[in-house]
Amino acid sequence: MTNIANPEALDALSALSERYVFALVPGFKNSGPEHWQSHWQNSTPFFTRITHSHWTHRDIHFWIDAIRRLLAEVEKPVILIGHSLGSLASACVIAEAHPRVAGGMLVAPAEPMRFEAEDQIPHAPLPRPTVLVASHNDTLISLSRTQGLAQNWQSDFVDLGDAGHINSESGFGRWPYGLTILADLVARIEDGAAAQG
């Protein structure tokens, strides 16, 4: 089914895709063909991707509006999988507590001030389960800043060490471990739903 070598996580996600939409939210300029988001989309049948026509604009609202359009089109709960600016936009939408949003995986969120998004991003706990994946030497944000975002949002925090911006330039092509992080998040969402009855 795929050239991403993580059969356990892929099997789990494939089964869960009957109940969830896994929505990729790329960052500024979209994710190139060697980016892990593109590999995930092209190598498996159960990832979808937001679309808009303004990938080279720095306005986070284009990303937020694209996510909202997707939410209006689907019938299943959505798990947002953002990278960089896409992580910030995903956090903004999750903060709205939209009934279609089940949670989010927020990878290498960019420094909000780089995109004049400081006033848009949430500064309080997010109402859905999230995991924030960060790097010590991300060129677009400091580790202390990502730790602060995770604390504000009450996101689980995954520290990848020296992993750059967690993109293809940093060696994250197919990124099989990312699928494990995603599967763990979905398991937590499932456990929370079961606990609520």
C-alpha atoms as a PDB file:
ATOM      1  CA  MET A   1       0.000   0.000   0.000  1.00  0.00           C
ATOM      2  CA  THR A   2       2.843   2.382   0.743  1.00  0.00           C
ATOM      3  CA  ASN A   3       6.590   2.920   0.666  1.00  0.00           C
ATOM      4  CA  ILE A   4       6.567   4.292   4.230  1.00  0.00           C
ATOM      5  CA  ALA A   5       7.990   1.563   6.442  1.00  0.00           C
ATOM      6  CA  ASN A   6       5.746   1.672   9.491  1.00  0.00           C
ATOM      7  CA  PRO A   7       3.175  -1.092   9.015  1.00  0.00           C
ATOM      8  CA  GLU A   8       1.839  -1.065  12.578  1.00  0.00           C
ATOM      9  CA  ALA A   9       0.955   2.637  12.553  1.00  0.00           C
ATOM     10  CA  LEU A  10      -0.333   2.453   8.982  1.00  0.00           C
ATOM     11  CA  ASP A  11      -2.631  -0.450   9.817  1.00  0.00           C
ATOM     12  CA  ALA A  12      -3.984   1.412  12.829  1.00  0.00           C
ATOM     13  CA  LEU A  13      -4.539   4.618  10.865  1.00  0.00           C
ATOM     14  CA  SER A  14      -6.110   2.761   7.951  1.00  0.00           C
ATOM     15  CA  ALA A  15      -8.675   1.205  10.279  1.00  0.00           C
ATOM     16  CA  LEU A  16      -9.340   4.538  11.968  1.00  0.00           C
ATOM     17  CA  SER A  17      -9.794   6.287   8.614  1.00  0.00           C
ATOM     18  CA  GLU A  18     -13.261   4.765   8.500  1.00  0.00           C
ATOM     19  CA  ARG A  19     -14.167   7.133  11.337  1.00  0.00           C
ATOM     20  CA  TYR A  20     -11.880  10.139  10.780  1.00  0.00           C
ATOM     21  CA  VAL A  21     -10.653  12.416   8.024  1.00  0.00           C
ATOM     22  CA  PHE A  22      -6.879  12.924   8.236  1.00  0.00           C
ATOM     23  CA  ALA A  23      -6.355  16.420   6.839  1.00  0.00           C
ATOM     24  CA  LEU A  24      -2.881  17.681   5.930  1.00  0.00           C
ATOM     25  CA  VAL A  25      -2.371  21.417   6.402  1.00  0.00           C
ATOM     26  CA  PRO A  26       0.898  22.460   4.685  1.00  0.00           C
ATOM     27  CA  GLY A  27       2.890  25.529   5.553  1.00  0.00           C
ATOM     28  CA  PHE A  28       3.971  28.602   3.610  1.00  0.00           C
ATOM     29  CA  LYS A  29       4.474  27.844  -0.112  1.00  0.00           C
ATOM     30  CA  ASN A  30       2.807  24.440   0.331  1.00  0.00           C
ATOM     31  CA  SER A  31       4.786  21.244   0.979  1.00  0.00           C
ATOM     32  CA  GLY A  32       7.057  20.131  -1.842  1.00  0.00           C
ATOM     33  CA  PRO A  33       7.126  16.626  -3.334  1.00  0.00           C
ATOM     34  CA  GLU A  34       9.793  15.368  -0.911  1.00  0.00           C
ATOM     35  CA  HIS A  35       8.090  16.727   2.197  1.00  0.00           C
ATOM     36  CA  TRP A  36       6.640  14.152   4.599  1.00  0.00           C
ATOM     37  CA  GLN A  37       3.147  15.565   4.091  1.00  0.00           C
ATOM     38  CA  SER A  38       3.409  14.924   0.353  1.00  0.00           C
ATOM     39  CA  HIS A  39       4.787  11.428   0.894  1.00  0.00           C
ATOM     40  CA  TRP A  40       1.951  10.615   3.270  1.00  0.00           C
ATOM     41  CA  GLN A  41      -0.655  11.922   0.844  1.00  0.00           C
ATOM     42  CA  ASN A  42       0.814  10.216  -2.212  1.00  0.00           C
ATOM     43  CA  SER A  43       1.644   6.894  -0.562  1.00  0.00           C
ATOM     44  CA  THR A  44      -1.536   6.167   1.358  1.00  0.00           C
ATOM     45  CA  PRO A  45      -5.208   6.408   0.415  1.00  0.00           C
ATOM     46  CA  PHE A  46      -6.548   7.980   3.583  1.00  0.00           C
ATOM     47  CA  PHE A  47      -4.906  11.423   3.758  1.00  0.00           C
ATOM     48  CA  THR A  48      -6.559  14.502   2.295  1.00  0.00           C
ATOM     49  CA  ARG A  49      -5.066  17.977   1.944  1.00  0.00           C
ATOM     50  CA  ILE A  50      -6.402  21.496   2.199  1.00  0.00           C
ATOM     51  CA  THR A  51      -6.291  23.596  -0.938  1.00  0.00           C
ATOM     52  CA  HIS A  52      -6.193  27.297  -1.680  1.00  0.00           C
ATOM     53  CA  SER A  53      -4.613  29.585  -4.260  1.00  0.00           C
ATOM     54  CA  HIS A  54      -2.449  31.800  -2.057  1.00  0.00           C
ATOM     55  CA  TRP A  55       0.432  29.604  -0.889  1.00  0.00           C
ATOM     56  CA  THR A  56       2.976  32.412  -1.372  1.00  0.00           C
ATOM     57  CA  HIS A  57       0.998  34.943   0.660  1.00  0.00           C
ATOM     58  CA  ARG A  58       1.845  35.302   4.331  1.00  0.00           C
ATOM     59  CA  ASP A  59      -1.732  35.824   5.509  1.00  0.00           C
ATOM     60  CA  ILE A  60      -2.768  33.035   7.912  1.00  0.00           C
ATOM     61  CA  HIS A  61      -6.418  33.687   7.084  1.00  0.00           C
ATOM     62  CA  PHE A  62      -6.027  31.925   3.719  1.00  0.00           C
ATOM     63  CA  TRP A  63      -5.047  28.781   5.614  1.00  0.00           C
ATOM     64  CA  ILE A  64      -7.786  29.167   8.219  1.00  0.00           C
ATOM     65  CA  ASP A  65     -10.433  29.679   5.533  1.00  0.00           C
ATOM     66  CA  ALA A  66      -9.206  26.613   3.612  1.00  0.00           C
ATOM     67  CA  ILE A  67      -9.544  24.455   6.733  1.00  0.00           C
ATOM     68  CA  ARG A  68     -13.044  25.804   7.348  1.00  0.00           C
ATOM     69  CA  ARG A  69     -14.032  24.957   3.759  1.00  0.00           C
ATOM     70  CA  LEU A  70     -12.829  21.414   4.256  1.00  0.00           C
ATOM     71  CA  LEU A  71     -14.805  21.116   7.490  1.00  0.00           C
ATOM     72  CA  ALA A  72     -17.934  22.228   5.644  1.00  0.00           C
ATOM     73  CA  GLU A  73     -17.457  19.485   3.037  1.00  0.00           C
ATOM     74  CA  VAL A  74     -16.864  16.431   5.228  1.00  0.00           C
ATOM     75  CA  GLU A  75     -19.172  14.325   7.351  1.00  0.00           C
ATOM     76  CA  LYS A  76     -16.625  12.606   9.605  1.00  0.00           C
ATOM     77  CA  PRO A  77     -14.585  14.163  12.415  1.00  0.00           C
ATOM     78  CA  VAL A  78     -11.355  15.717  11.166  1.00  0.00           C
ATOM     79  CA  ILE A  79      -7.861  15.410  12.610  1.00  0.00           C
ATOM     80  CA  LEU A  80      -5.716  18.309  11.410  1.00  0.00           C
ATOM     81  CA  ILE A  81      -2.056  17.573  10.648  1.00  0.00           C
ATOM     82  CA  GLY A  82      -0.299  20.892  10.290  1.00  0.00           C
ATOM     83  CA  HIS A  83       3.256  21.903   9.527  1.00  0.00           C
ATOM     84  CA  SER A  84       4.794  25.337  10.167  1.00  0.00           C
ATOM     85  CA  LEU A  85       2.237  28.031   9.273  1.00  0.00           C
ATOM     86  CA  GLY A  86      -0.237  25.180   8.792  1.00  0.00           C
ATOM     87  CA  SER A  87       0.234  24.272  12.451  1.00  0.00           C
ATOM     88  CA  LEU A  88      -0.619  27.808  13.531  1.00  0.00           C
ATOM     89  CA  ALA A  89      -3.715  27.860  11.315  1.00  0.00           C
ATOM     90  CA  SER A  90      -4.763  24.464  12.640  1.00  0.00           C
ATOM     91  CA  ALA A  91      -4.448  25.696  16.221  1.00  0.00           C
ATOM     92  CA  CYS A  92      -6.629  28.698  15.353  1.00  0.00           C
ATOM     93  CA  VAL A  93      -9.385  26.485  13.986  1.00  0.00           C
ATOM     94  CA  ILE A  94      -9.122  23.971  16.827  1.00  0.00           C
ATOM     95  CA  ALA A  95      -9.583  26.883  19.254  1.00  0.00           C
ATOM     96  CA  GLU A  96     -12.974  27.564  17.651  1.00  0.00           C
ATOM     97  CA  ALA A  97     -14.229  24.195  18.990  1.00  0.00           C
ATOM     98  CA  HIS A  98     -15.807  23.346  15.641  1.00  0.00           C
ATOM     99  CA  PRO A  99     -17.857  20.169  16.124  1.00  0.00           C
ATOM    100  CA  ARG A 100     -16.135  18.503  13.143  1.00  0.00           C
ATOM    101  CA  VAL A 101     -12.615  18.917  14.597  1.00  0.00           C
ATOM    102  CA  ALA A 102     -11.455  15.967  16.711  1.00  0.00           C
ATOM    103  CA  GLY A 103      -7.862  17.062  17.362  1.00  0.00           C
ATOM    104  CA  GLY A 104      -4.596  18.095  15.810  1.00  0.00           C
ATOM    105  CA  MET A 105      -0.972  17.170  15.245  1.00  0.00           C
ATOM    106  CA  LEU A 106       0.999  20.416  15.158  1.00  0.00           C
ATOM    107  CA  VAL A 107       4.464  19.935  13.704  1.00  0.00           C
ATOM    108  CA  ALA A 108       7.166  22.629  13.861  1.00  0.00           C
ATOM    109  CA  PRO A 109       4.823  25.602  14.254  1.00  0.00           C
ATOM    110  CA  ALA A 110       6.413  28.720  12.832  1.00  0.00           C
ATOM    111  CA  GLU A 111       7.056  31.789  14.952  1.00  0.00           C
ATOM    112  CA  PRO A 112       3.706  33.631  14.718  1.00  0.00           C
ATOM    113  CA  MET A 113       5.382  37.042  14.413  1.00  0.00           C
ATOM    114  CA  ARG A 114       6.996  35.924  11.135  1.00  0.00           C
ATOM    115  CA  PHE A 115       3.493  35.841   9.649  1.00  0.00           C
ATOM    116  CA  GLU A 116       1.952  38.713  11.606  1.00  0.00           C
ATOM    117  CA  ALA A 117      -0.230  36.093  13.281  1.00  0.00           C
ATOM    118  CA  GLU A 118       0.465  36.839  16.930  1.00  0.00           C
ATOM    119  CA  ASP A 119      -3.001  38.327  17.402  1.00  0.00           C
ATOM    120  CA  GLN A 120      -4.686  35.398  15.654  1.00  0.00           C
ATOM    121  CA  ILE A 121      -3.193  32.399  17.416  1.00  0.00           C
ATOM    122  CA  PRO A 122      -4.812  31.127  20.624  1.00  0.00           C
ATOM    123  CA  HIS A 123      -3.167  31.769  23.963  1.00  0.00           C
ATOM    124  CA  ALA A 124      -5.364  29.447  26.022  1.00  0.00           C
ATOM    125  CA  PRO A 125      -5.838  25.663  26.249  1.00  0.00           C
ATOM    126  CA  LEU A 126      -7.199  24.134  23.062  1.00  0.00           C
ATOM    127  CA  PRO A 127     -10.540  22.355  23.440  1.00  0.00           C
ATOM    128  CA  ARG A 128      -9.468  19.237  21.511  1.00  0.00           C
ATOM    129  CA  PRO A 129      -6.550  16.829  22.052  1.00  0.00           C
ATOM    130  CA  THR A 130      -3.364  17.984  20.344  1.00  0.00           C
ATOM    131  CA  VAL A 131       0.278  17.048  20.126  1.00  0.00           C
ATOM    132  CA  LEU A 132       2.997  19.569  19.298  1.00  0.00           C
ATOM    133  CA  VAL A 133       6.160  18.180  17.678  1.00  0.00           C
ATOM    134  CA  ALA A 134       9.222  20.389  18.013  1.00  0.00           C
ATOM    135  CA  SER A 135      12.945  20.625  17.318  1.00  0.00           C
ATOM    136  CA  HIS A 136      15.849  22.149  19.233  1.00  0.00           C
ATOM    137  CA  ASN A 137      17.333  23.900  16.202  1.00  0.00           C
ATOM    138  CA  ASP A 138      14.308  24.941  14.171  1.00  0.00           C
ATOM    139  CA  THR A 139      15.322  28.028  12.196  1.00  0.00           C
ATOM    140  CA  LEU A 140      11.771  29.420  12.250  1.00  0.00           C
ATOM    141  CA  ILE A 141      11.118  29.278  15.999  1.00  0.00           C
ATOM    142  CA  SER A 142      13.003  28.758  19.242  1.00  0.00           C
ATOM    143  CA  LEU A 143      12.583  25.678  21.405  1.00  0.00           C
ATOM    144  CA  SER A 144      11.461  27.793  24.350  1.00  0.00           C
ATOM    145  CA  ARG A 145       8.776  29.370  22.172  1.00  0.00           C
ATOM    146  CA  THR A 146       7.420  25.996  21.048  1.00  0.00           C
ATOM    147  CA  GLN A 147       7.449  24.819  24.644  1.00  0.00           C
ATOM    148  CA  GLY A 148       5.477  27.924  25.571  1.00  0.00           C
ATOM    149  CA  LEU A 149       2.928  27.284  22.839  1.00  0.00           C
ATOM    150  CA  ALA A 150       2.524  23.680  23.961  1.00  0.00           C
ATOM    151  CA  GLN A 151       2.031  24.825  27.543  1.00  0.00           C
ATOM    152  CA  ASN A 152      -0.516  27.491  26.553  1.00  0.00           C
ATOM    153  CA  TRP A 153      -2.436  25.038  24.386  1.00  0.00           C
ATOM    154  CA  GLN A 154      -2.015  22.132  26.829  1.00  0.00           C
ATOM    155  CA  SER A 155      -0.685  20.033  23.958  1.00  0.00           C
ATOM    156  CA  ASP A 156       1.326  16.886  24.440  1.00  0.00           C
ATOM    157  CA  PHE A 157       4.938  17.721  23.581  1.00  0.00           C
ATOM    158  CA  VAL A 158       7.198  15.555  21.413  1.00  0.00           C
ATOM    159  CA  ASP A 159      10.849  16.647  21.364  1.00  0.00           C
ATOM    160  CA  LEU A 160      12.742  15.425  18.281  1.00  0.00           C
ATOM    161  CA  GLY A 161      16.082  16.909  19.331  1.00  0.00           C
ATOM    162  CA  ASP A 162      18.113  18.573  16.570  1.00  0.00           C
ATOM    163  CA  ALA A 163      15.632  18.120  13.734  1.00  0.00           C
ATOM    164  CA  GLY A 164      15.679  21.474  11.979  1.00  0.00           C
ATOM    165  CA  HIS A 165      12.277  22.567  10.695  1.00  0.00           C
ATOM    166  CA  ILE A 166      11.114  18.927  10.450  1.00  0.00           C
ATOM    167  CA  ASN A 167      10.851  19.118   6.673  1.00  0.00           C
ATOM    168  CA  SER A 168      12.543  17.584   3.651  1.00  0.00           C
ATOM    169  CA  GLU A 169      15.526  19.940   3.952  1.00  0.00           C
ATOM    170  CA  SER A 170      16.068  18.548   7.449  1.00  0.00           C
ATOM    171  CA  GLY A 171      15.922  14.955   6.230  1.00  0.00           C
ATOM    172  CA  PHE A 172      12.263  14.321   6.997  1.00  0.00           C
ATOM    173  CA  GLY A 173      10.989  12.752   3.814  1.00  0.00           C
ATOM    174  CA  ARG A 174       8.695   9.813   4.470  1.00  0.00           C
ATOM    175  CA  TRP A 175       9.032  10.263   8.266  1.00  0.00           C
ATOM    176  CA  PRO A 176       7.588   6.933   9.453  1.00  0.00           C
ATOM    177  CA  TYR A 177       7.895   7.923  13.119  1.00  0.00           C
ATOM    178  CA  GLY A 178       5.480  10.773  12.458  1.00  0.00           C
ATOM    179  CA  LEU A 179       2.816   8.198  11.673  1.00  0.00           C
ATOM    180  CA  THR A 180       3.369   6.681  15.123  1.00  0.00           C
ATOM    181  CA  ILE A 181       2.891  10.108  16.719  1.00  0.00           C
ATOM    182  CA  LEU A 182      -0.323  10.527  14.747  1.00  0.00           C
ATOM    183  CA  ALA A 183      -1.592   7.052  15.634  1.00  0.00           C
ATOM    184  CA  ASP A 184      -0.893   7.725  19.321  1.00  0.00           C
ATOM    185  CA  LEU A 185      -2.858  10.980  19.113  1.00  0.00           C
ATOM    186  CA  VAL A 186      -5.829   9.259  17.506  1.00  0.00           C
ATOM    187  CA  ALA A 187      -5.736   6.543  20.165  1.00  0.00           C
ATOM    188  CA  ARG A 188      -5.919   9.267  22.810  1.00  0.00           C
ATOM    189  CA  ILE A 189      -8.865  10.869  21.004  1.00  0.00           C
ATOM    190  CA  GLU A 190     -10.591   7.485  20.873  1.00  0.00           C
ATOM    191  CA  ASP A 191      -9.971   6.883  24.571  1.00  0.00           C
ATOM    192  CA  GLY A 192     -11.402  10.293  25.407  1.00  0.00           C
ATOM    193  CA  ALA A 193     -14.507   9.648  23.339  1.00  0.00           C
ATOM    194  CA  ALA A 194     -15.004   6.259  25.001  1.00  0.00           C
ATOM    195  CA  ALA A 195     -14.656   7.802  28.461  1.00  0.00           C
ATOM    196  CA  GLN A 196     -17.403  10.302  27.624  1.00  0.00           C
ATOM    197  CA  GLY A 197     -19.699   7.450  26.682  1.00  0.00           C
END
